Amino acid sequence: MFPNIVDFEGFGAVTRIRAFFIGTRMDMENGISGISVDSLKIRIPIEKVKILDSLLSTENWILVNADTGEQADFEGYDLEFKRRAKTIKENGITTRFAIEKQQIGFKTGVTVEYLVILFNSKLLKERYFEGITDENIDLIYEYLVEYKVAFFSFIDFLSAECTDVDFKKDINYESDFSALTKTLYGQTKESRDSGKGAYRLNRKNNQGIQFSRRETTQFKTNPYLKIYHKGVELEYNSTEFRDLYLADINCHNRIRIEATVKNKRHFRALFGKAFSTGLQSVLMLSVDQREEIFKVAANAHLQPLIKKSKVNTGMKPNTTVILNALNIIMEKGISFELARDALISDIQGESQRSRKKTELTGLYYTHIKGSEIDETTKEIQEFFDTVGMT
């Protein structure tokens, strides 16, 4: 829990409360398995900020909708934000500062100003794989203030409203990642709508699959979800950062899953109308709540899971048909146990169902178990469990 820090200011606050940060722990050495924040935007009311960099002008502002945190005048807000923002790039780390005006009422024309900061977990340097958590947010604060673009108290930082929050989960995946993304692509729910469906990449320098678009406004039904090879990304696209801070960490089998919670309405659709979108509240989400973000996103895009061994010659026709049925279902990525139970689910009578279950189990142990297709199916099933598919 965060301590009571109402009276704390600046770096003194960081020093005094560092020991009080207690949160859900993961493998802190390499960030495997736990869910944490990878990147986000925060908004701090301008009256609580001291602007230190003259290039960060209140005249170069961006108008946004106060209800959603989205650009009010036109699409392409992210591009406009990056164009207008004060951008700092060093050692492979990019951080952006900007002034935004939120329009409170379109009829009244009332606006309020905010300092907006877009930052990511690369600010943690050697601790990058931890992601941003309640246990290291003090370090993030220190790094942001050290840029001397603007000053704000630590308590105002924790109270800042969050939008475009990317949650991440890393896993080690030692099997064929290309085969995994191909299976995921095959499991994608069909849609003819622009911006829906899946986009798969299998290039040397970019491997993964993306569902929806980061800019989506249909976050309830079409949330942004991305699964990609983090080791490849670091090797080809984040070389400077990797060489400086992660040179001693083996990332060859690291897969990253990211899900975005877009804004206040998105958070409240997930966790109820009373949910606060302050930075402190977002960092204090429970394990179950963070898992729910991935589960909802996965179920929005992927069909329930349903691989294939070669059928031996010389089988009786009926046995061949049954084994082919198992193979076809497992070809979709469903484990044998799920496939078997689905095949016998409508058989009437406990004894007949039991006999057929025994028959299918015998076929599995004789012709499928231990095969490459069987092992791949199990690995894919484990991956879907990790994502939160039901």
Protein backbone atom coordinates (compact mmCIF):
# COMPACT_ATOMS: atom_id res chain seq x y z
CA MET A 1 0.00 0.00 0.00
CA PHE A 2 1.09 3.58 -0.57
CA PRO A 3 1.63 5.50 2.67
CA ASN A 4 -0.09 8.79 3.48
CA ILE A 5 2.06 11.27 1.62
CA VAL A 6 -0.15 14.33 1.47
CA ASP A 7 2.55 16.58 2.98
CA PHE A 8 5.47 15.15 1.07
CA GLU A 9 7.16 17.15 -1.68
CA GLY A 10 9.79 16.41 -4.32
CA PHE A 11 12.82 14.23 -3.76
CA GLY A 12 12.39 14.26 0.01
CA ALA A 13 9.15 12.40 -0.48
CA VAL A 14 10.86 9.80 -2.60
CA THR A 15 13.51 9.15 0.02
CA ARG A 16 11.04 8.90 2.89
CA ILE A 17 8.48 6.62 1.30
CA ARG A 18 10.70 4.31 -0.77
CA ALA A 19 10.70 1.65 1.95
CA PHE A 20 6.89 1.64 2.12
CA PHE A 21 6.22 0.49 -1.44
CA ILE A 22 4.64 -2.95 -1.24
CA GLY A 23 2.99 -4.52 -4.26
CA THR A 24 2.44 -7.68 -6.23
CA ARG A 25 5.87 -9.16 -6.81
CA MET A 26 7.13 -10.90 -9.89
CA ASP A 27 10.51 -12.29 -10.82
CA MET A 28 12.16 -8.90 -10.31
CA GLU A 29 15.41 -10.00 -11.94
CA ASN A 30 13.92 -10.52 -15.37
CA GLY A 31 10.25 -9.51 -15.18
CA ILE A 32 8.89 -12.86 -16.34
CA SER A 33 5.22 -13.70 -15.70
CA GLY A 34 4.10 -10.64 -13.75
CA ILE A 35 1.90 -7.91 -15.25
CA SER A 36 3.06 -4.32 -15.02
CA VAL A 37 2.76 -1.02 -16.89
CA ASP A 38 5.02 -0.59 -19.92
CA SER A 39 4.05 2.94 -20.99
CA LEU A 40 1.40 5.59 -20.40
CA LYS A 41 0.46 9.25 -20.56
CA ILE A 42 -0.24 11.24 -17.43
CA ARG A 43 -1.95 14.64 -17.04
CA ILE A 44 -1.13 17.05 -14.21
CA PRO A 45 -3.14 20.30 -13.81
CA ILE A 46 -0.95 23.16 -14.99
CA GLU A 47 -1.44 25.13 -11.78
CA LYS A 48 0.39 22.33 -9.94
CA VAL A 49 3.37 22.49 -12.30
CA LYS A 50 6.34 24.82 -12.62
CA ILE A 51 7.47 24.97 -16.25
CA LEU A 52 11.28 25.09 -16.43
CA ASP A 53 11.86 24.74 -20.17
CA SER A 54 10.87 27.80 -22.21
CA LEU A 55 10.39 25.63 -25.28
CA LEU A 56 7.43 24.00 -23.55
CA SER A 57 5.09 26.84 -24.38
CA THR A 58 1.46 27.11 -23.33
CA GLU A 59 0.85 28.59 -26.78
CA ASN A 60 1.74 25.28 -28.45
CA TRP A 61 -1.14 23.40 -26.87
CA ILE A 62 -3.31 20.51 -28.02
CA LEU A 63 -7.09 20.48 -27.52
CA VAL A 64 -8.58 17.27 -26.13
CA ASN A 65 -11.95 16.02 -24.93
CA ALA A 66 -12.04 15.95 -21.12
CA ASP A 67 -14.39 12.94 -21.05
CA THR A 68 -12.16 10.65 -23.07
CA GLY A 69 -8.75 12.27 -23.12
CA GLU A 70 -8.85 12.06 -26.92
CA GLN A 71 -8.16 14.73 -29.51
CA ALA A 72 -11.24 16.91 -29.86
CA ASP A 73 -10.74 18.36 -33.31
CA PHE A 74 -9.46 15.57 -35.51
CA GLU A 75 -8.14 12.04 -35.76
CA GLY A 76 -4.44 11.27 -35.58
CA TYR A 77 -4.01 12.67 -32.08
CA ASP A 78 -0.91 10.58 -31.34
CA LEU A 79 0.92 11.99 -34.36
CA GLU A 80 -0.08 15.52 -33.47
CA PHE A 81 0.97 15.01 -29.87
CA LYS A 82 4.42 13.80 -30.94
CA ARG A 83 4.78 16.68 -33.40
CA ARG A 84 4.03 19.37 -30.83
CA ALA A 85 5.62 17.79 -27.78
CA LYS A 86 9.00 18.57 -26.26
CA THR A 87 10.80 15.32 -27.06
CA ILE A 88 13.87 14.07 -25.22
CA LYS A 89 15.79 11.15 -26.71
CA GLU A 90 18.86 9.77 -25.00
CA ASN A 91 20.42 6.33 -24.70
CA GLY A 92 17.53 4.77 -26.60
CA ILE A 93 14.92 6.26 -24.22
CA THR A 94 12.23 8.62 -25.54
CA THR A 95 10.12 10.85 -23.26
CA ARG A 96 7.68 13.54 -24.37
CA PHE A 97 6.25 16.59 -22.58
CA ALA A 98 3.41 18.78 -23.88
CA ILE A 99 0.74 21.24 -22.77
CA GLU A 100 -2.86 20.22 -23.43
CA LYS A 101 -6.11 22.09 -23.07
CA GLN A 102 -9.09 19.93 -22.18
CA GLN A 103 -12.45 21.23 -23.29
CA ILE A 104 -14.82 20.75 -20.36
CA GLY A 105 -17.99 21.70 -22.22
CA PHE A 106 -18.35 22.11 -25.95
CA LYS A 107 -21.29 24.48 -25.46
CA THR A 108 -19.56 26.69 -22.90
CA GLY A 109 -16.11 26.50 -24.43
CA VAL A 110 -14.50 26.21 -20.98
CA THR A 111 -11.03 24.68 -21.05
CA VAL A 112 -8.40 23.68 -18.49
CA GLU A 113 -4.69 23.23 -19.08
CA TYR A 114 -2.54 20.22 -18.20
CA LEU A 115 1.05 19.14 -18.45
CA VAL A 116 1.04 15.83 -20.32
CA ILE A 117 3.97 13.42 -20.13
CA LEU A 118 4.35 10.30 -22.26
CA PHE A 119 6.94 7.94 -20.78
CA ASN A 120 7.77 4.25 -20.69
CA SER A 121 9.56 1.65 -18.61
CA LYS A 122 12.87 2.21 -20.43
CA LEU A 123 13.35 5.02 -17.91
CA LEU A 124 14.12 2.22 -15.44
CA LYS A 125 17.23 1.35 -17.46
CA GLU A 126 18.72 -1.90 -16.07
CA ARG A 127 15.39 -2.57 -14.31
CA TYR A 128 13.45 -2.21 -17.57
CA PHE A 129 11.91 -5.67 -17.47
CA GLU A 130 10.23 -4.99 -14.14
CA GLY A 131 7.89 -2.60 -15.89
CA ILE A 132 6.49 0.42 -14.04
CA THR A 133 5.14 -0.64 -10.64
CA ASP A 134 4.34 0.81 -7.25
CA GLU A 135 7.76 -0.41 -6.16
CA ASN A 136 9.80 1.62 -8.64
CA ILE A 137 7.57 4.61 -9.45
CA ASP A 138 9.79 6.76 -7.22
CA LEU A 139 12.66 6.17 -9.67
CA ILE A 140 10.46 7.18 -12.60
CA TYR A 141 9.58 10.42 -10.79
CA GLU A 142 13.25 11.19 -10.16
CA TYR A 143 14.19 10.64 -13.80
CA LEU A 144 11.33 12.83 -15.09
CA VAL A 145 12.19 15.70 -12.78
CA GLU A 146 15.88 15.42 -13.65
CA TYR A 147 15.02 16.37 -17.24
CA LYS A 148 14.32 19.90 -15.89
CA VAL A 149 11.45 20.41 -18.32
CA ALA A 150 8.94 20.90 -15.51
CA PHE A 151 8.72 20.39 -11.76
CA PHE A 152 5.78 18.90 -9.87
CA SER A 153 5.50 17.29 -6.46
CA PHE A 154 5.54 13.55 -6.01
CA ILE A 155 2.00 13.55 -4.59
CA ASP A 156 0.72 15.45 -7.64
CA PHE A 157 2.57 12.97 -9.84
CA LEU A 158 0.80 10.04 -8.13
CA SER A 159 -2.54 11.84 -8.50
CA ALA A 160 -2.07 12.48 -12.24
CA GLU A 161 -4.78 11.10 -14.53
CA CYS A 162 -3.67 8.24 -16.79
CA THR A 163 -4.57 7.50 -20.40
CA ASP A 164 -3.19 5.16 -23.07
CA VAL A 165 -1.88 2.73 -20.48
CA ASP A 166 0.00 -0.22 -21.98
CA PHE A 167 0.10 -3.22 -19.64
CA LYS A 168 2.68 -5.87 -20.44
CA LYS A 169 3.31 -9.50 -19.59
CA ASP A 170 6.54 -11.29 -20.56
CA ILE A 171 6.95 -15.03 -20.90
CA ASN A 172 9.71 -17.37 -22.03
CA TYR A 173 8.60 -19.25 -25.15
CA GLU A 174 11.16 -21.76 -26.41
CA SER A 175 9.04 -23.26 -29.19
CA ASP A 176 8.37 -22.00 -32.72
CA PHE A 177 7.02 -18.47 -32.27
CA SER A 178 6.10 -18.24 -35.94
CA ALA A 179 3.90 -21.33 -35.55
CA LEU A 180 2.28 -19.76 -32.51
CA THR A 181 1.38 -16.52 -34.29
CA LYS A 182 0.11 -18.53 -37.26
CA THR A 183 -2.21 -20.42 -34.91
CA LEU A 184 -3.33 -17.18 -33.28
CA TYR A 185 -4.06 -15.72 -36.71
CA GLY A 186 -6.17 -18.76 -37.51
CA GLN A 187 -8.09 -18.33 -34.25
CA THR A 188 -8.88 -14.65 -34.89
CA LYS A 189 -12.55 -13.78 -35.02
CA GLU A 190 -13.47 -12.79 -38.54
CA SER A 191 -14.43 -9.20 -39.25
CA ARG A 192 -14.77 -7.07 -42.35
CA ASP A 193 -14.66 -3.85 -40.34
CA SER A 194 -11.62 -1.64 -40.84
CA GLY A 195 -9.26 -1.79 -37.90
CA LYS A 196 -10.53 -5.13 -36.66
CA GLY A 197 -9.12 -8.61 -37.12
CA ALA A 198 -5.41 -9.40 -36.92
CA TYR A 199 -2.22 -8.18 -38.55
CA ARG A 200 0.65 -10.70 -38.48
CA LEU A 201 4.32 -10.03 -39.17
CA ASN A 202 7.00 -12.69 -39.58
CA ARG A 203 10.02 -10.71 -40.67
CA LYS A 204 13.59 -11.08 -39.48
CA ASN A 205 13.39 -7.81 -37.56
CA ASN A 206 9.72 -7.81 -36.57
CA GLN A 207 7.78 -10.87 -35.44
CA GLY A 208 4.37 -10.86 -33.87
CA ILE A 209 0.65 -10.35 -34.24
CA GLN A 210 -1.50 -7.32 -33.51
CA PHE A 211 -5.24 -7.08 -32.94
CA SER A 212 -7.10 -3.79 -33.49
CA ARG A 213 -5.25 -0.47 -33.68
CA ARG A 214 -3.75 1.56 -30.87
CA GLU A 215 -5.89 4.54 -31.96
CA THR A 216 -9.18 2.64 -31.66
CA THR A 217 -12.17 4.39 -30.15
CA GLN A 218 -14.02 1.04 -29.88
CA PHE A 219 -12.06 0.01 -26.84
CA LYS A 220 -14.88 -1.97 -25.27
CA THR A 221 -15.44 -4.31 -28.21
CA ASN A 222 -12.15 -3.87 -30.10
CA PRO A 223 -9.34 -3.31 -27.56
CA TYR A 224 -5.74 -3.11 -28.71
CA LEU A 225 -3.75 -6.31 -28.12
CA LYS A 226 -0.26 -7.12 -29.34
CA ILE A 227 1.90 -10.25 -29.00
CA TYR A 228 5.44 -9.96 -30.26
CA HIS A 229 8.97 -11.31 -29.95
CA LYS A 230 10.68 -8.97 -27.53
CA GLY A 231 14.09 -10.52 -28.12
CA VAL A 232 13.86 -9.72 -31.84
CA GLU A 233 12.63 -6.20 -31.13
CA LEU A 234 15.56 -5.50 -28.81
CA GLU A 235 18.07 -6.95 -31.25
CA TYR A 236 16.96 -4.98 -34.29
CA ASN A 237 15.01 -1.93 -33.12
CA SER A 238 16.29 -1.06 -29.62
CA THR A 239 19.98 -1.85 -30.05
CA GLU A 240 21.35 1.22 -28.28
CA PHE A 241 19.20 0.70 -25.21
CA ARG A 242 19.87 -3.06 -25.14
CA ASP A 243 23.64 -2.65 -25.36
CA LEU A 244 23.71 -0.02 -22.62
CA TYR A 245 21.39 -1.61 -20.07
CA LEU A 246 20.50 -5.21 -20.95
CA ALA A 247 23.74 -6.64 -22.33
CA ASP A 248 23.94 -9.34 -19.64
CA ILE A 249 20.30 -10.47 -19.92
CA ASN A 250 19.32 -13.34 -22.22
CA CYS A 251 16.26 -12.21 -24.18
CA HIS A 252 16.34 -14.77 -27.00
CA ASN A 253 13.09 -16.50 -26.00
CA ARG A 254 11.25 -13.55 -24.49
CA ILE A 255 7.73 -12.98 -25.78
CA ARG A 256 5.76 -9.91 -24.77
CA ILE A 257 1.99 -9.54 -24.60
CA GLU A 258 0.65 -5.99 -24.42
CA ALA A 259 -2.90 -4.76 -23.87
CA THR A 260 -3.92 -1.11 -23.84
CA VAL A 261 -6.49 0.52 -21.58
CA LYS A 262 -7.36 3.65 -23.49
CA ASN A 263 -8.91 6.15 -21.09
CA LYS A 264 -11.21 6.74 -18.13
CA ARG A 265 -14.27 5.23 -19.82
CA HIS A 266 -12.27 2.13 -20.73
CA PHE A 267 -11.01 1.68 -17.16
CA ARG A 268 -14.52 2.09 -15.80
CA ALA A 269 -15.95 -0.37 -18.31
CA LEU A 270 -13.50 -2.90 -16.88
CA PHE A 271 -13.62 -2.07 -13.17
CA GLY A 272 -16.76 -0.05 -12.50
CA LYS A 273 -17.84 3.58 -12.47
CA ALA A 274 -16.11 4.33 -9.17
CA PHE A 275 -12.64 3.46 -10.44
CA SER A 276 -10.12 6.28 -10.18
CA THR A 277 -7.72 6.71 -13.09
CA GLY A 278 -5.05 8.39 -10.99
CA LEU A 279 -1.55 6.97 -11.37
CA GLN A 280 -1.56 5.58 -7.84
CA SER A 281 -4.83 3.71 -8.44
CA VAL A 282 -3.60 2.25 -11.72
CA LEU A 283 -0.38 0.99 -10.14
CA MET A 284 -2.34 -0.58 -7.27
CA LEU A 285 -4.58 -2.73 -9.47
CA SER A 286 -4.82 -6.23 -8.05
CA VAL A 287 -3.40 -9.29 -9.79
CA ASP A 288 -6.94 -10.36 -10.74
CA GLN A 289 -7.74 -6.94 -12.19
CA ARG A 290 -4.59 -6.90 -14.30
CA GLU A 291 -5.29 -10.43 -15.51
CA GLU A 292 -8.81 -9.31 -16.43
CA ILE A 293 -7.42 -6.68 -18.83
CA PHE A 294 -5.69 -9.41 -20.86
CA LYS A 295 -8.57 -11.84 -20.61
CA VAL A 296 -11.09 -9.31 -21.94
CA ALA A 297 -8.79 -8.28 -24.79
CA ALA A 298 -7.99 -11.88 -25.79
CA ASN A 299 -11.63 -12.96 -25.73
CA ALA A 300 -12.59 -9.95 -27.84
CA HIS A 301 -10.34 -11.09 -30.69
CA LEU A 302 -9.74 -14.83 -30.44
CA GLN A 303 -12.07 -17.76 -30.84
CA PRO A 304 -11.96 -20.50 -28.20
CA LEU A 305 -9.11 -22.88 -28.81
CA ILE A 306 -9.53 -26.03 -30.67
CA LYS A 307 -3.10 -30.15 -33.95
CA LYS A 308 -2.52 -33.11 -35.99
CA SER A 309 -0.62 -36.34 -36.13
CA LYS A 310 -0.36 -38.50 -39.21
CA VAL A 311 -2.93 -41.28 -39.48
CA ASN A 312 -1.38 -44.75 -39.64
CA THR A 313 -2.25 -46.89 -42.66
CA GLY A 314 -4.11 -50.18 -42.17
CA MET A 315 -6.67 -48.84 -39.69
CA LYS A 316 -10.31 -49.72 -39.83
CA PRO A 317 -12.37 -47.01 -41.59
CA ASN A 318 -14.27 -46.05 -38.43
CA THR A 319 -11.05 -45.72 -36.42
CA THR A 320 -9.51 -43.64 -39.21
CA VAL A 321 -12.50 -41.30 -39.17
CA ILE A 322 -12.28 -40.84 -35.40
CA LEU A 323 -8.52 -40.25 -35.44
CA ASN A 324 -8.91 -37.78 -38.32
CA ALA A 325 -11.53 -35.93 -36.30
CA LEU A 326 -9.12 -35.67 -33.38
CA ASN A 327 -6.35 -34.49 -35.68
CA ILE A 328 -8.50 -31.84 -37.33
CA ILE A 329 -9.64 -30.44 -34.01
CA MET A 330 -6.15 -30.47 -32.54
CA GLU A 331 -4.94 -28.80 -35.75
CA LYS A 332 -6.82 -25.76 -34.46
CA GLY A 333 -4.70 -25.71 -31.33
CA ILE A 334 -7.08 -27.42 -28.90
CA SER A 335 -5.58 -29.89 -26.46
CA PHE A 336 -6.57 -33.56 -26.64
CA GLU A 337 -8.53 -33.39 -23.40
CA LEU A 338 -10.71 -30.55 -24.69
CA ALA A 339 -11.12 -32.23 -28.08
CA ARG A 340 -12.12 -35.57 -26.50
CA ASP A 341 -14.66 -34.00 -24.18
CA ALA A 342 -16.17 -32.00 -27.05
CA LEU A 343 -16.55 -35.12 -29.23
CA ILE A 344 -18.37 -37.15 -26.57
CA SER A 345 -20.39 -34.35 -25.02
CA ASP A 346 -23.68 -35.24 -26.78
CA ILE A 347 -23.55 -39.01 -26.31
CA GLN A 348 -26.50 -40.16 -24.23
CA GLY A 349 -25.88 -42.61 -21.43
CA GLU A 350 -22.98 -42.69 -19.01
CA SER A 351 -21.73 -46.14 -20.04
CA GLN A 352 -21.67 -45.35 -23.77
CA ARG A 353 -19.98 -42.04 -23.13
CA SER A 354 -17.41 -43.79 -20.92
CA ARG A 355 -16.65 -46.41 -23.59
CA LYS A 356 -16.17 -43.79 -26.28
CA LYS A 357 -13.98 -41.76 -23.94
CA THR A 358 -11.82 -44.83 -23.37
CA GLU A 359 -11.61 -45.46 -27.10
CA LEU A 360 -10.51 -41.91 -27.84
CA THR A 361 -7.99 -41.96 -25.02
CA GLY A 362 -6.53 -45.21 -26.41
CA LEU A 363 -6.16 -43.66 -29.85
CA TYR A 364 -4.47 -40.64 -28.34
CA TYR A 365 -1.94 -42.68 -26.34
CA THR A 366 -1.27 -45.00 -29.29
CA HIS A 367 -1.05 -42.54 -32.18
CA ILE A 368 -0.75 -38.94 -30.90
CA LYS A 369 0.77 -38.62 -27.42
CA GLY A 370 4.37 -37.42 -27.45
CA SER A 371 4.24 -36.44 -31.11
CA GLU A 372 5.41 -33.02 -32.24
CA ILE A 373 1.83 -31.99 -32.84
CA ASP A 374 0.84 -33.07 -29.33
CA GLU A 375 3.65 -31.11 -27.70
CA THR A 376 2.93 -28.04 -29.82
CA THR A 377 -0.74 -28.20 -28.89
CA LYS A 378 0.10 -28.32 -25.19
CA GLU A 379 2.44 -25.34 -25.56
CA ILE A 380 -0.20 -23.34 -27.40
CA GLN A 381 -2.78 -24.26 -24.77
CA GLU A 382 -0.40 -23.07 -22.05
CA PHE A 383 0.11 -19.83 -23.94
CA PHE A 384 -3.64 -19.27 -24.20
CA ASP A 385 -3.93 -19.90 -20.48
CA THR A 386 -1.26 -17.24 -19.97
CA VAL A 387 -3.17 -14.73 -22.09
CA GLY A 388 -6.35 -15.54 -20.17
CA MET A 389 -8.41 -17.23 -22.87
CA THR A 390 -11.39 -19.17 -21.60
